[in-house]
Amino acid sequence: MFDTALTAKDMVFLAQGAGVTLLVTAIAVVLGTALGIVFGIFRFQVGPWWAAPLTFVLDVSRSIPLLIQLVLANAFMGVVLKLKMSGFTVACGVLTLYTAAYCAEIVRGAVEAVPSTTRRAARSLGLSWTQDMTYIVLPLATRVALPSWIGLALGVMKDSALVYIVQVTELLKSTQILITRLQEPLLLLMICGAFYFVISFPIARFGGYLEKRWSND
């Protein structure tokens, strides 16, 4: 179908880019989810004056396009703070905060979805706040939050294509390099899309499996 100069070495180059995409996504989703849970619960436990600074930071992270955040963070670290930080580290840091900002809202909505009568019943049984959150609220909230969290994880993976702006050679940047050299954009973009599908499909299926399993418990 295609008379192409694409070689096995080029496919390995694309696979390496896909590996970088997967690594950046995994770091951002794991750390961002942990921070998002902490931020989401923290906002319930403090007064509005204490929660206001955190809410402002999260709103800023959700309001400014990721591409701009990456450029500003890279410039701030290098020009203002004079820190020699790799583009990979900057990308992971920005994507982690970006993920945490959205995850905190998912956690907030999921916790609010837990019926107040359930929580009052738990307290009437003598459970402490920690026991209430650990055994009652968070398990119920997790079921509510799972579909949105899966969507967030897949979105972060696709948004990670923007980290090329801080000199990270992930999947899309690897594809662009080969397009420039081989002048075969259609074929290479199809292969790039196939790599993204191979990465994202198991995540979506695993999320569907968890939803089905927990709904039957």
N, C-alpha and C. Protein backbone atom coordinates (compact mmCIF):
# COMPACT_ATOMS: atom_id res chain seq x y z
N MET A 1 0.83 -1.21 0.00
CA MET A 1 0.00 0.00 0.00
C MET A 1 0.86 1.25 0.00
N PHE A 2 1.91 1.25 0.81
CA PHE A 2 2.80 2.39 0.89
C PHE A 2 4.20 2.00 0.41
N ASP A 3 4.75 2.83 -0.46
CA ASP A 3 6.14 2.67 -0.86
C ASP A 3 6.96 3.53 0.08
N THR A 4 7.40 2.96 1.18
CA THR A 4 7.95 3.75 2.27
C THR A 4 9.40 3.42 2.55
N ALA A 5 10.09 4.42 3.10
CA ALA A 5 11.47 4.22 3.53
C ALA A 5 11.55 3.96 5.02
N LEU A 6 10.40 3.75 5.64
CA LEU A 6 10.35 3.51 7.08
C LEU A 6 11.05 2.19 7.41
N THR A 7 11.94 2.22 8.38
CA THR A 7 12.71 1.04 8.75
C THR A 7 12.34 0.55 10.15
N ALA A 8 12.85 -0.63 10.49
CA ALA A 8 12.62 -1.17 11.84
C ALA A 8 13.22 -0.25 12.90
N LYS A 9 14.33 0.39 12.57
CA LYS A 9 14.96 1.31 13.51
C LYS A 9 14.04 2.50 13.79
N ASP A 10 13.34 2.95 12.76
CA ASP A 10 12.39 4.06 12.95
C ASP A 10 11.23 3.63 13.85
N MET A 11 10.76 2.39 13.70
CA MET A 11 9.68 1.89 14.55
C MET A 11 10.13 1.81 16.00
N VAL A 12 11.38 1.42 16.21
CA VAL A 12 11.91 1.40 17.59
C VAL A 12 11.95 2.81 18.15
N PHE A 13 12.32 3.77 17.30
CA PHE A 13 12.34 5.18 17.73
C PHE A 13 10.95 5.63 18.16
N LEU A 14 9.92 5.24 17.40
CA LEU A 14 8.54 5.59 17.77
C LEU A 14 8.13 4.88 19.06
N ALA A 15 8.54 3.62 19.20
CA ALA A 15 8.20 2.88 20.42
C ALA A 15 8.83 3.54 21.64
N GLN A 16 10.04 4.05 21.48
CA GLN A 16 10.69 4.75 22.59
C GLN A 16 9.91 6.01 22.95
N GLY A 17 9.43 6.71 21.92
CA GLY A 17 8.60 7.89 22.18
C GLY A 17 7.32 7.52 22.90
N ALA A 18 6.72 6.38 22.51
CA ALA A 18 5.52 5.91 23.20
C ALA A 18 5.82 5.57 24.65
N GLY A 19 7.02 5.03 24.89
CA GLY A 19 7.42 4.72 26.27
C GLY A 19 7.53 5.98 27.11
N VAL A 20 8.07 7.05 26.53
CA VAL A 20 8.16 8.32 27.25
C VAL A 20 6.77 8.87 27.54
N THR A 21 5.87 8.79 26.56
CA THR A 21 4.48 9.22 26.77
C THR A 21 3.85 8.46 27.93
N LEU A 22 4.04 7.15 27.94
CA LEU A 22 3.45 6.32 28.99
C LEU A 22 4.05 6.65 30.35
N LEU A 23 5.36 6.89 30.40
CA LEU A 23 6.03 7.19 31.67
C LEU A 23 5.57 8.53 32.23
N VAL A 24 5.54 9.56 31.38
CA VAL A 24 5.07 10.88 31.83
C VAL A 24 3.63 10.79 32.34
N THR A 25 2.79 10.06 31.60
CA THR A 25 1.39 9.91 32.00
C THR A 25 1.27 9.18 33.32
N ALA A 26 2.02 8.09 33.48
CA ALA A 26 1.94 7.30 34.71
C ALA A 26 2.35 8.14 35.92
N ILE A 27 3.45 8.87 35.79
CA ILE A 27 3.92 9.71 36.91
C ILE A 27 2.87 10.76 37.25
N ALA A 28 2.36 11.45 36.23
CA ALA A 28 1.39 12.52 36.47
C ALA A 28 0.09 11.99 37.07
N VAL A 29 -0.39 10.85 36.57
CA VAL A 29 -1.66 10.32 37.06
C VAL A 29 -1.52 9.80 38.50
N VAL A 30 -0.44 9.07 38.79
CA VAL A 30 -0.26 8.53 40.14
C VAL A 30 -0.08 9.65 41.17
N LEU A 31 0.88 10.54 40.91
CA LEU A 31 1.13 11.62 41.87
C LEU A 31 -0.03 12.62 41.90
N GLY A 32 -0.58 12.92 40.71
CA GLY A 32 -1.69 13.87 40.65
C GLY A 32 -2.93 13.35 41.35
N THR A 33 -3.18 12.05 41.24
CA THR A 33 -4.34 11.47 41.94
C THR A 33 -4.14 11.52 43.45
N ALA A 34 -2.93 11.19 43.91
CA ALA A 34 -2.66 11.25 45.35
C ALA A 34 -2.85 12.67 45.87
N LEU A 35 -2.29 13.65 45.17
CA LEU A 35 -2.46 15.04 45.58
C LEU A 35 -3.91 15.48 45.48
N GLY A 36 -4.59 15.05 44.42
CA GLY A 36 -5.99 15.43 44.23
C GLY A 36 -6.87 14.92 45.36
N ILE A 37 -6.61 13.69 45.84
CA ILE A 37 -7.39 13.15 46.97
C ILE A 37 -7.13 13.99 48.22
N VAL A 38 -5.86 14.30 48.46
CA VAL A 38 -5.51 15.12 49.65
C VAL A 38 -6.16 16.50 49.54
N PHE A 39 -6.03 17.14 48.38
CA PHE A 39 -6.60 18.48 48.19
C PHE A 39 -8.13 18.44 48.33
N GLY A 40 -8.74 17.41 47.69
CA GLY A 40 -10.20 17.32 47.71
C GLY A 40 -10.75 17.16 49.12
N ILE A 41 -10.09 16.32 49.94
CA ILE A 41 -10.54 16.11 51.31
C ILE A 41 -10.21 17.32 52.18
N PHE A 42 -9.03 17.92 51.94
CA PHE A 42 -8.61 19.08 52.74
C PHE A 42 -9.64 20.21 52.65
N ARG A 43 -10.20 20.39 51.47
CA ARG A 43 -11.16 21.49 51.29
C ARG A 43 -12.43 21.27 52.12
N PHE A 44 -12.70 20.01 52.50
CA PHE A 44 -13.87 19.75 53.34
C PHE A 44 -13.60 20.03 54.81
N GLN A 45 -12.34 19.96 55.19
CA GLN A 45 -12.02 19.96 56.60
C GLN A 45 -11.56 21.30 57.15
N VAL A 46 -11.42 22.27 56.32
CA VAL A 46 -10.96 23.58 56.78
C VAL A 46 -12.00 24.63 56.40
N GLY A 47 -11.90 25.77 57.04
CA GLY A 47 -12.82 26.85 56.75
C GLY A 47 -12.51 27.48 55.39
N PRO A 48 -13.44 28.31 54.89
CA PRO A 48 -13.27 28.91 53.57
C PRO A 48 -12.01 29.76 53.44
N TRP A 49 -11.58 30.40 54.57
CA TRP A 49 -10.38 31.24 54.48
C TRP A 49 -9.13 30.41 54.28
N TRP A 50 -9.08 29.23 54.89
CA TRP A 50 -7.93 28.36 54.72
C TRP A 50 -7.97 27.67 53.35
N ALA A 51 -9.17 27.34 52.90
CA ALA A 51 -9.30 26.64 51.61
C ALA A 51 -9.13 27.57 50.42
N ALA A 52 -9.31 28.89 50.63
CA ALA A 52 -9.29 29.83 49.51
C ALA A 52 -7.96 29.81 48.73
N PRO A 53 -6.79 29.85 49.40
CA PRO A 53 -5.53 29.83 48.61
C PRO A 53 -5.39 28.57 47.77
N LEU A 54 -5.74 27.42 48.36
CA LEU A 54 -5.64 26.17 47.59
C LEU A 54 -6.62 26.19 46.43
N THR A 55 -7.84 26.65 46.67
CA THR A 55 -8.83 26.72 45.60
C THR A 55 -8.35 27.62 44.47
N PHE A 56 -7.70 28.73 44.84
CA PHE A 56 -7.19 29.65 43.81
C PHE A 56 -6.12 28.97 42.94
N VAL A 57 -5.19 28.27 43.59
CA VAL A 57 -4.12 27.59 42.83
C VAL A 57 -4.72 26.54 41.89
N LEU A 58 -5.68 25.76 42.38
CA LEU A 58 -6.30 24.73 41.55
C LEU A 58 -7.09 25.35 40.40
N ASP A 59 -7.77 26.47 40.69
CA ASP A 59 -8.53 27.14 39.62
C ASP A 59 -7.59 27.68 38.54
N VAL A 60 -6.45 28.21 38.97
CA VAL A 60 -5.47 28.71 37.99
C VAL A 60 -4.98 27.57 37.11
N SER A 61 -4.67 26.44 37.73
CA SER A 61 -4.15 25.30 36.97
C SER A 61 -5.19 24.78 35.98
N ARG A 62 -6.48 24.86 36.34
CA ARG A 62 -7.51 24.37 35.44
C ARG A 62 -7.91 25.39 34.39
N SER A 63 -7.59 26.66 34.63
CA SER A 63 -8.05 27.72 33.73
C SER A 63 -7.06 28.04 32.61
N ILE A 64 -5.76 27.90 32.91
CA ILE A 64 -4.74 28.27 31.93
C ILE A 64 -4.40 27.06 31.06
N PRO A 65 -4.35 27.22 29.74
CA PRO A 65 -4.01 26.09 28.87
C PRO A 65 -2.69 25.43 29.27
N LEU A 66 -2.67 24.12 29.16
CA LEU A 66 -1.49 23.35 29.59
C LEU A 66 -0.23 23.79 28.87
N LEU A 67 -0.35 24.11 27.59
CA LEU A 67 0.82 24.53 26.82
C LEU A 67 1.47 25.78 27.44
N ILE A 68 0.64 26.73 27.85
CA ILE A 68 1.16 27.95 28.47
C ILE A 68 1.79 27.65 29.82
N GLN A 69 1.16 26.76 30.59
CA GLN A 69 1.73 26.39 31.88
C GLN A 69 3.12 25.77 31.72
N LEU A 70 3.28 24.94 30.71
CA LEU A 70 4.58 24.29 30.47
C LEU A 70 5.65 25.33 30.13
N VAL A 71 5.30 26.26 29.26
CA VAL A 71 6.27 27.29 28.86
C VAL A 71 6.64 28.17 30.05
N LEU A 72 5.63 28.61 30.82
CA LEU A 72 5.89 29.48 31.96
C LEU A 72 6.71 28.76 33.03
N ALA A 73 6.37 27.51 33.31
CA ALA A 73 7.11 26.76 34.33
C ALA A 73 8.56 26.56 33.92
N ASN A 74 8.78 26.25 32.66
CA ASN A 74 10.15 26.04 32.17
C ASN A 74 10.96 27.34 32.26
N ALA A 75 10.33 28.45 31.89
CA ALA A 75 11.02 29.75 31.96
C ALA A 75 11.26 30.16 33.41
N PHE A 76 10.29 29.90 34.28
CA PHE A 76 10.43 30.28 35.69
C PHE A 76 11.58 29.53 36.34
N MET A 77 11.68 28.23 36.07
CA MET A 77 12.75 27.43 36.65
C MET A 77 14.12 27.84 36.13
N GLY A 78 14.20 28.09 34.83
CA GLY A 78 15.50 28.38 34.22
C GLY A 78 15.94 29.82 34.33
N VAL A 79 15.02 30.76 34.10
CA VAL A 79 15.38 32.18 34.04
C VAL A 79 15.29 32.84 35.41
N VAL A 80 14.20 32.58 36.14
CA VAL A 80 13.98 33.25 37.42
C VAL A 80 14.74 32.56 38.55
N LEU A 81 14.56 31.25 38.70
CA LEU A 81 15.19 30.53 39.80
C LEU A 81 16.60 30.02 39.46
N LYS A 82 16.98 30.11 38.18
CA LYS A 82 18.32 29.66 37.74
C LYS A 82 18.57 28.19 38.07
N LEU A 83 17.54 27.38 38.00
CA LEU A 83 17.66 25.96 38.29
C LEU A 83 17.84 25.18 36.98
N LYS A 84 18.81 24.27 36.96
CA LYS A 84 19.02 23.43 35.79
C LYS A 84 18.13 22.19 35.93
N MET A 85 16.95 22.30 35.38
CA MET A 85 15.96 21.24 35.50
C MET A 85 15.64 20.71 34.11
N SER A 86 15.61 19.40 33.97
CA SER A 86 15.34 18.82 32.65
C SER A 86 13.90 19.08 32.24
N GLY A 87 13.68 19.05 30.93
CA GLY A 87 12.33 19.22 30.43
C GLY A 87 11.40 18.13 30.92
N PHE A 88 11.95 16.93 31.10
CA PHE A 88 11.13 15.81 31.58
C PHE A 88 10.62 16.10 32.99
N THR A 89 11.49 16.64 33.85
CA THR A 89 11.08 16.95 35.23
C THR A 89 10.03 18.05 35.24
N VAL A 90 10.25 19.09 34.43
CA VAL A 90 9.27 20.18 34.35
C VAL A 90 7.93 19.64 33.86
N ALA A 91 7.97 18.80 32.84
CA ALA A 91 6.73 18.25 32.27
C ALA A 91 5.97 17.43 33.31
N CYS A 92 6.70 16.58 34.05
CA CYS A 92 6.04 15.75 35.07
C CYS A 92 5.45 16.63 36.17
N GLY A 93 6.17 17.67 36.58
CA GLY A 93 5.67 18.55 37.63
C GLY A 93 4.41 19.28 37.23
N VAL A 94 4.42 19.86 36.03
CA VAL A 94 3.25 20.61 35.55
C VAL A 94 2.06 19.69 35.33
N LEU A 95 2.30 18.53 34.71
CA LEU A 95 1.20 17.60 34.46
C LEU A 95 0.63 17.03 35.77
N THR A 96 1.50 16.86 36.77
CA THR A 96 1.02 16.36 38.06
C THR A 96 0.07 17.38 38.71
N LEU A 97 0.47 18.65 38.73
CA LEU A 97 -0.40 19.68 39.31
C LEU A 97 -1.69 19.82 38.50
N TYR A 98 -1.56 19.74 37.19
CA TYR A 98 -2.72 19.81 36.28
C TYR A 98 -3.70 18.67 36.59
N THR A 99 -3.17 17.47 36.77
CA THR A 99 -4.00 16.30 37.09
C THR A 99 -4.62 16.46 38.47
N ALA A 100 -3.83 16.92 39.44
CA ALA A 100 -4.33 17.09 40.81
C ALA A 100 -5.49 18.09 40.86
N ALA A 101 -5.40 19.15 40.05
CA ALA A 101 -6.46 20.17 40.05
C ALA A 101 -7.79 19.56 39.61
N TYR A 102 -7.75 18.75 38.58
CA TYR A 102 -8.99 18.13 38.10
C TYR A 102 -9.44 17.00 39.03
N CYS A 103 -8.47 16.25 39.55
CA CYS A 103 -8.82 15.14 40.43
C CYS A 103 -9.46 15.64 41.72
N ALA A 104 -8.99 16.79 42.22
CA ALA A 104 -9.57 17.35 43.45
C ALA A 104 -11.06 17.64 43.25
N GLU A 105 -11.43 18.13 42.08
CA GLU A 105 -12.85 18.39 41.80
C GLU A 105 -13.64 17.09 41.70
N ILE A 106 -13.03 16.06 41.11
CA ILE A 106 -13.69 14.75 41.03
C ILE A 106 -13.93 14.20 42.43
N VAL A 107 -12.90 14.31 43.29
CA VAL A 107 -13.03 13.82 44.67
C VAL A 107 -14.12 14.61 45.41
N ARG A 108 -14.11 15.92 45.25
CA ARG A 108 -15.11 16.76 45.93
C ARG A 108 -16.53 16.33 45.53
N GLY A 109 -16.74 16.18 44.23
CA GLY A 109 -18.07 15.79 43.76
C GLY A 109 -18.47 14.40 44.23
N ALA A 110 -17.50 13.48 44.25
CA ALA A 110 -17.80 12.11 44.66
C ALA A 110 -18.13 12.04 46.15
N VAL A 111 -17.37 12.78 46.97
CA VAL A 111 -17.63 12.78 48.42
C VAL A 111 -18.99 13.42 48.71
N GLU A 112 -19.31 14.48 47.99
CA GLU A 112 -20.61 15.13 48.20
C GLU A 112 -21.76 14.22 47.76
N ALA A 113 -21.47 13.27 46.87
CA ALA A 113 -22.53 12.36 46.41
C ALA A 113 -22.87 11.30 47.44
N VAL A 114 -22.00 11.11 48.43
CA VAL A 114 -22.30 10.14 49.48
C VAL A 114 -23.42 10.71 50.36
N PRO A 115 -24.53 9.98 50.53
CA PRO A 115 -25.67 10.52 51.30
C PRO A 115 -25.26 10.92 52.71
N SER A 116 -25.74 12.08 53.14
CA SER A 116 -25.40 12.55 54.49
C SER A 116 -25.98 11.61 55.55
N THR A 117 -27.09 10.96 55.23
CA THR A 117 -27.67 10.02 56.20
C THR A 117 -26.72 8.85 56.47
N THR A 118 -25.99 8.45 55.43
CA THR A 118 -25.02 7.36 55.61
C THR A 118 -23.93 7.77 56.57
N ARG A 119 -23.46 9.00 56.43
CA ARG A 119 -22.39 9.48 57.30
C ARG A 119 -22.90 9.66 58.73
N ARG A 120 -24.13 10.17 58.86
CA ARG A 120 -24.67 10.35 60.22
C ARG A 120 -24.86 8.99 60.90
N ALA A 121 -25.25 8.00 60.11
CA ALA A 121 -25.42 6.66 60.68
C ALA A 121 -24.09 6.10 61.16
N ALA A 122 -23.02 6.37 60.35
CA ALA A 122 -21.69 5.90 60.74
C ALA A 122 -21.24 6.58 62.03
N ARG A 123 -21.49 7.88 62.14
CA ARG A 123 -21.09 8.60 63.35
C ARG A 123 -21.89 8.12 64.57
N SER A 124 -23.17 7.79 64.33
CA SER A 124 -24.00 7.33 65.45
C SER A 124 -23.52 5.99 66.00
N LEU A 125 -22.78 5.25 65.15
CA LEU A 125 -22.22 3.98 65.61
C LEU A 125 -20.91 4.16 66.36
N GLY A 126 -20.47 5.41 66.47
CA GLY A 126 -19.26 5.69 67.23
C GLY A 126 -17.99 5.74 66.40
N LEU A 127 -18.12 5.74 65.06
CA LEU A 127 -16.92 5.80 64.22
C LEU A 127 -16.32 7.19 64.27
N SER A 128 -15.00 7.26 64.30
CA SER A 128 -14.30 8.55 64.25
C SER A 128 -14.32 9.08 62.83
N TRP A 129 -13.85 10.33 62.66
CA TRP A 129 -13.80 10.91 61.31
C TRP A 129 -12.93 10.06 60.39
N THR A 130 -11.77 9.63 60.91
CA THR A 130 -10.86 8.82 60.08
C THR A 130 -11.50 7.50 59.70
N GLN A 131 -12.16 6.85 60.66
CA GLN A 131 -12.81 5.58 60.35
C GLN A 131 -13.98 5.79 59.38
N ASP A 132 -14.70 6.89 59.56
CA ASP A 132 -15.81 7.21 58.66
C ASP A 132 -15.32 7.38 57.22
N MET A 133 -14.22 8.14 57.08
CA MET A 133 -13.67 8.36 55.74
C MET A 133 -13.09 7.08 55.15
N THR A 134 -12.39 6.30 55.98
CA THR A 134 -11.70 5.11 55.48
C THR A 134 -12.66 3.99 55.09
N TYR A 135 -13.65 3.75 55.94
CA TYR A 135 -14.50 2.57 55.74
C TYR A 135 -15.84 2.88 55.06
N ILE A 136 -16.27 4.12 55.09
CA ILE A 136 -17.59 4.44 54.55
C ILE A 136 -17.50 5.37 53.33
N VAL A 137 -16.95 6.56 53.55
CA VAL A 137 -17.03 7.60 52.53
C VAL A 137 -16.16 7.30 51.31
N LEU A 138 -14.88 7.03 51.54
CA LEU A 138 -13.97 6.86 50.40
C LEU A 138 -14.33 5.64 49.54
N PRO A 139 -14.69 4.48 50.12
CA PRO A 139 -15.09 3.37 49.24
C PRO A 139 -16.31 3.71 48.38
N LEU A 140 -17.32 4.39 48.98
CA LEU A 140 -18.49 4.77 48.20
C LEU A 140 -18.14 5.83 47.15
N ALA A 141 -17.32 6.80 47.57
CA ALA A 141 -16.94 7.87 46.65
C ALA A 141 -16.09 7.36 45.49
N THR A 142 -15.29 6.34 45.75
CA THR A 142 -14.44 5.79 44.69
C THR A 142 -15.27 5.23 43.54
N ARG A 143 -16.38 4.56 43.87
CA ARG A 143 -17.24 4.02 42.81
C ARG A 143 -17.83 5.16 41.97
N VAL A 144 -18.20 6.24 42.64
CA VAL A 144 -18.78 7.38 41.92
C VAL A 144 -17.72 8.05 41.04
N ALA A 145 -16.50 8.14 41.58
CA ALA A 145 -15.45 8.91 40.89
C ALA A 145 -14.78 8.14 39.77
N LEU A 146 -14.89 6.81 39.77
CA LEU A 146 -14.09 6.00 38.84
C LEU A 146 -14.26 6.37 37.36
N PRO A 147 -15.50 6.50 36.83
CA PRO A 147 -15.62 6.85 35.41
C PRO A 147 -14.94 8.18 35.05
N SER A 148 -15.12 9.18 35.93
CA SER A 148 -14.49 10.48 35.66
C SER A 148 -12.97 10.37 35.75
N TRP A 149 -12.50 9.56 36.70
CA TRP A 149 -11.04 9.42 36.87
C TRP A 149 -10.42 8.71 35.66
N ILE A 150 -11.10 7.71 35.13
CA ILE A 150 -10.59 7.03 33.93
C ILE A 150 -10.52 8.03 32.76
N GLY A 151 -11.56 8.85 32.63
CA GLY A 151 -11.55 9.86 31.58
C GLY A 151 -10.41 10.85 31.77
N LEU A 152 -10.15 11.21 33.05
CA LEU A 152 -9.04 12.12 33.33
C LEU A 152 -7.70 11.50 32.95
N ALA A 153 -7.51 10.23 33.29
CA ALA A 153 -6.24 9.57 32.98
C ALA A 153 -6.01 9.51 31.47
N LEU A 154 -7.06 9.19 30.72
CA LEU A 154 -6.91 9.14 29.25
C LEU A 154 -6.66 10.54 28.69
N GLY A 155 -7.31 11.55 29.28
CA GLY A 155 -7.08 12.92 28.83
C GLY A 155 -5.66 13.38 29.09
N VAL A 156 -5.11 13.01 30.26
CA VAL A 156 -3.73 13.39 30.58
C VAL A 156 -2.76 12.74 29.59
N MET A 157 -3.04 11.49 29.22
CA MET A 157 -2.16 10.82 28.26
C MET A 157 -2.12 11.58 26.93
N LYS A 158 -3.29 12.00 26.45
CA LYS A 158 -3.32 12.73 25.18
C LYS A 158 -2.72 14.13 25.34
N ASP A 159 -2.98 14.78 26.49
CA ASP A 159 -2.41 16.11 26.71
C ASP A 159 -0.89 16.06 26.85
N SER A 160 -0.35 14.89 27.20
CA SER A 160 1.10 14.79 27.35
C SER A 160 1.83 15.03 26.03
N ALA A 161 1.08 15.02 24.92
CA ALA A 161 1.69 15.33 23.62
C ALA A 161 2.25 16.76 23.59
N LEU A 162 1.77 17.62 24.51
CA LEU A 162 2.22 19.01 24.53
C LEU A 162 3.58 19.20 25.18
N VAL A 163 4.09 18.17 25.84
CA VAL A 163 5.36 18.36 26.55
C VAL A 163 6.54 18.49 25.59
N TYR A 164 6.30 18.34 24.30
CA TYR A 164 7.37 18.59 23.33
C TYR A 164 7.91 20.00 23.45
N ILE A 165 7.04 20.92 23.98
CA ILE A 165 7.42 22.33 24.05
C ILE A 165 8.57 22.55 25.03
N VAL A 166 8.78 21.60 25.96
CA VAL A 166 9.91 21.70 26.90
C VAL A 166 10.97 20.65 26.55
N GLN A 167 11.05 20.34 25.27
CA GLN A 167 12.11 19.49 24.73
C GLN A 167 12.04 18.04 25.22
N VAL A 168 10.85 17.52 25.39
CA VAL A 168 10.68 16.11 25.73
C VAL A 168 10.25 15.38 24.45
N THR A 169 11.02 14.38 24.07
CA THR A 169 10.73 13.65 22.83
C THR A 169 9.80 12.49 23.14
N GLU A 170 8.51 12.81 23.21
CA GLU A 170 7.51 11.77 23.43
C GLU A 170 7.00 11.27 22.08
N LEU A 171 5.88 10.60 22.06
CA LEU A 171 5.42 9.92 20.85
C LEU A 171 5.16 10.89 19.70
N LEU A 172 4.41 11.95 19.95
CA LEU A 172 4.08 12.86 18.86
C LEU A 172 5.32 13.59 18.34
N LYS A 173 6.22 13.98 19.25
CA LYS A 173 7.46 14.64 18.81
C LYS A 173 8.31 13.67 17.98
N SER A 174 8.37 12.41 18.39
CA SER A 174 9.11 11.41 17.61
C SER A 174 8.52 11.28 16.21
N THR A 175 7.18 11.30 16.14
CA THR A 175 6.51 11.22 14.84
C THR A 175 6.85 12.43 13.97
N GLN A 176 6.85 13.62 14.57
CA GLN A 176 7.17 14.83 13.81
C GLN A 176 8.59 14.78 13.27
N ILE A 177 9.52 14.24 14.06
CA ILE A 177 10.91 14.13 13.61
C ILE A 177 11.01 13.22 12.38
N LEU A 178 10.29 12.10 12.44
CA LEU A 178 10.33 11.17 11.30
C LEU A 178 9.61 11.75 10.08
N ILE A 179 8.53 12.50 10.31
CA ILE A 179 7.83 13.13 9.19
C ILE A 179 8.75 14.09 8.46
N THR A 180 9.52 14.87 9.24
CA THR A 180 10.46 15.82 8.63
C THR A 180 11.52 15.10 7.80
N ARG A 181 11.95 13.95 8.28
CA ARG A 181 13.02 13.23 7.57
C ARG A 181 12.50 12.40 6.40
N LEU A 182 11.38 11.72 6.59
CA LEU A 182 10.90 10.79 5.57
C LEU A 182 9.85 11.38 4.64
N GLN A 183 9.22 12.48 5.06
CA GLN A 183 8.16 13.12 4.24
C GLN A 183 7.02 12.16 3.94
N GLU A 184 6.61 11.44 4.99
CA GLU A 184 5.48 10.51 4.85
C GLU A 184 4.48 10.77 5.99
N PRO A 185 3.82 11.92 5.99
CA PRO A 185 2.98 12.29 7.14
C PRO A 185 1.79 11.35 7.35
N LEU A 186 1.12 10.92 6.27
CA LEU A 186 -0.07 10.10 6.43
C LEU A 186 0.25 8.79 7.13
N LEU A 187 1.24 8.09 6.62
CA LEU A 187 1.61 6.80 7.20
C LEU A 187 2.06 6.96 8.65
N LEU A 188 2.90 7.94 8.89
CA LEU A 188 3.46 8.10 10.24
C LEU A 188 2.40 8.53 11.25
N LEU A 189 1.45 9.37 10.82
CA LEU A 189 0.38 9.76 11.75
C LEU A 189 -0.55 8.59 12.03
N MET A 190 -0.75 7.72 11.05
CA MET A 190 -1.54 6.52 11.30
C MET A 190 -0.85 5.61 12.31
N ILE A 191 0.45 5.47 12.17
CA ILE A 191 1.20 4.64 13.13
C ILE A 191 1.16 5.29 14.51
N CYS A 192 1.31 6.61 14.55
CA CYS A 192 1.25 7.34 15.82
C CYS A 192 -0.10 7.11 16.50
N GLY A 193 -1.18 7.22 15.73
CA GLY A 193 -2.51 6.98 16.29
C GLY A 193 -2.66 5.56 16.80
N ALA A 194 -2.05 4.60 16.07
CA ALA A 194 -2.12 3.21 16.52
C ALA A 194 -1.41 3.02 17.85
N PHE A 195 -0.26 3.69 18.01
CA PHE A 195 0.46 3.61 19.29
C PHE A 195 -0.40 4.17 20.42
N TYR A 196 -1.04 5.33 20.20
CA TYR A 196 -1.90 5.90 21.23
C TYR A 196 -3.04 4.95 21.59
N PHE A 197 -3.61 4.30 20.57
CA PHE A 197 -4.70 3.35 20.82
C PHE A 197 -4.21 2.17 21.66
N VAL A 198 -3.04 1.66 21.32
CA VAL A 198 -2.50 0.52 22.06
C VAL A 198 -2.25 0.88 23.52
N ILE A 199 -1.85 2.13 23.76
CA ILE A 199 -1.60 2.56 25.15
C ILE A 199 -2.92 2.78 25.90
N SER A 200 -3.87 3.43 25.25
CA SER A 200 -5.08 3.86 25.97
C SER A 200 -6.14 2.77 26.09
N PHE A 201 -6.19 1.84 25.14
CA PHE A 201 -7.25 0.82 25.16
C PHE A 201 -7.24 -0.02 26.44
N PRO A 202 -6.07 -0.53 26.87
CA PRO A 202 -6.08 -1.32 28.13
C PRO A 202 -6.55 -0.50 29.32
N ILE A 203 -6.21 0.81 29.37
CA ILE A 203 -6.64 1.65 30.49
C ILE A 203 -8.17 1.75 30.51
N ALA A 204 -8.76 2.00 29.34
CA ALA A 204 -10.21 2.11 29.26
C ALA A 204 -10.90 0.79 29.61
N ARG A 205 -10.35 -0.32 29.11
CA ARG A 205 -10.96 -1.62 29.40
C ARG A 205 -10.84 -1.98 30.88
N PHE A 206 -9.68 -1.68 31.47
CA PHE A 206 -9.49 -1.98 32.89
C PHE A 206 -10.45 -1.15 33.74
N GLY A 207 -10.65 0.11 33.36
CA GLY A 207 -11.61 0.94 34.08
C GLY A 207 -13.02 0.37 33.97
N GLY A 208 -13.40 -0.08 32.78
CA GLY A 208 -14.71 -0.69 32.60
C GLY A 208 -14.87 -1.95 33.44
N TYR A 209 -13.80 -2.72 33.52
CA TYR A 209 -13.83 -3.94 34.34
C TYR A 209 -14.05 -3.61 35.81
N LEU A 210 -13.34 -2.60 36.32
CA LEU A 210 -13.50 -2.21 37.72
C LEU A 210 -14.92 -1.70 37.99
N GLU A 211 -15.44 -0.88 37.06
CA GLU A 211 -16.81 -0.38 37.24
C GLU A 211 -17.81 -1.53 37.34
N LYS A 212 -17.68 -2.49 36.44
CA LYS A 212 -18.61 -3.62 36.44
C LYS A 212 -18.47 -4.45 37.69
N ARG A 213 -17.24 -4.69 38.11
CA ARG A 213 -17.01 -5.53 39.29
C ARG A 213 -17.55 -4.86 40.55
N TRP A 214 -17.26 -3.58 40.72
CA TRP A 214 -17.69 -2.89 41.93
C TRP A 214 -19.20 -2.69 41.95
N SER A 215 -19.81 -2.55 40.77
CA SER A 215 -21.26 -2.37 40.76
C SER A 215 -21.98 -3.64 41.18
N ASN A 216 -21.30 -4.81 41.05
CA ASN A 216 -21.91 -6.08 41.44
C ASN A 216 -21.65 -6.46 42.89
N ASP A 217 -20.76 -5.67 43.56
CA ASP A 217 -20.46 -5.99 44.97
C ASP A 217 -21.64 -5.62 45.87
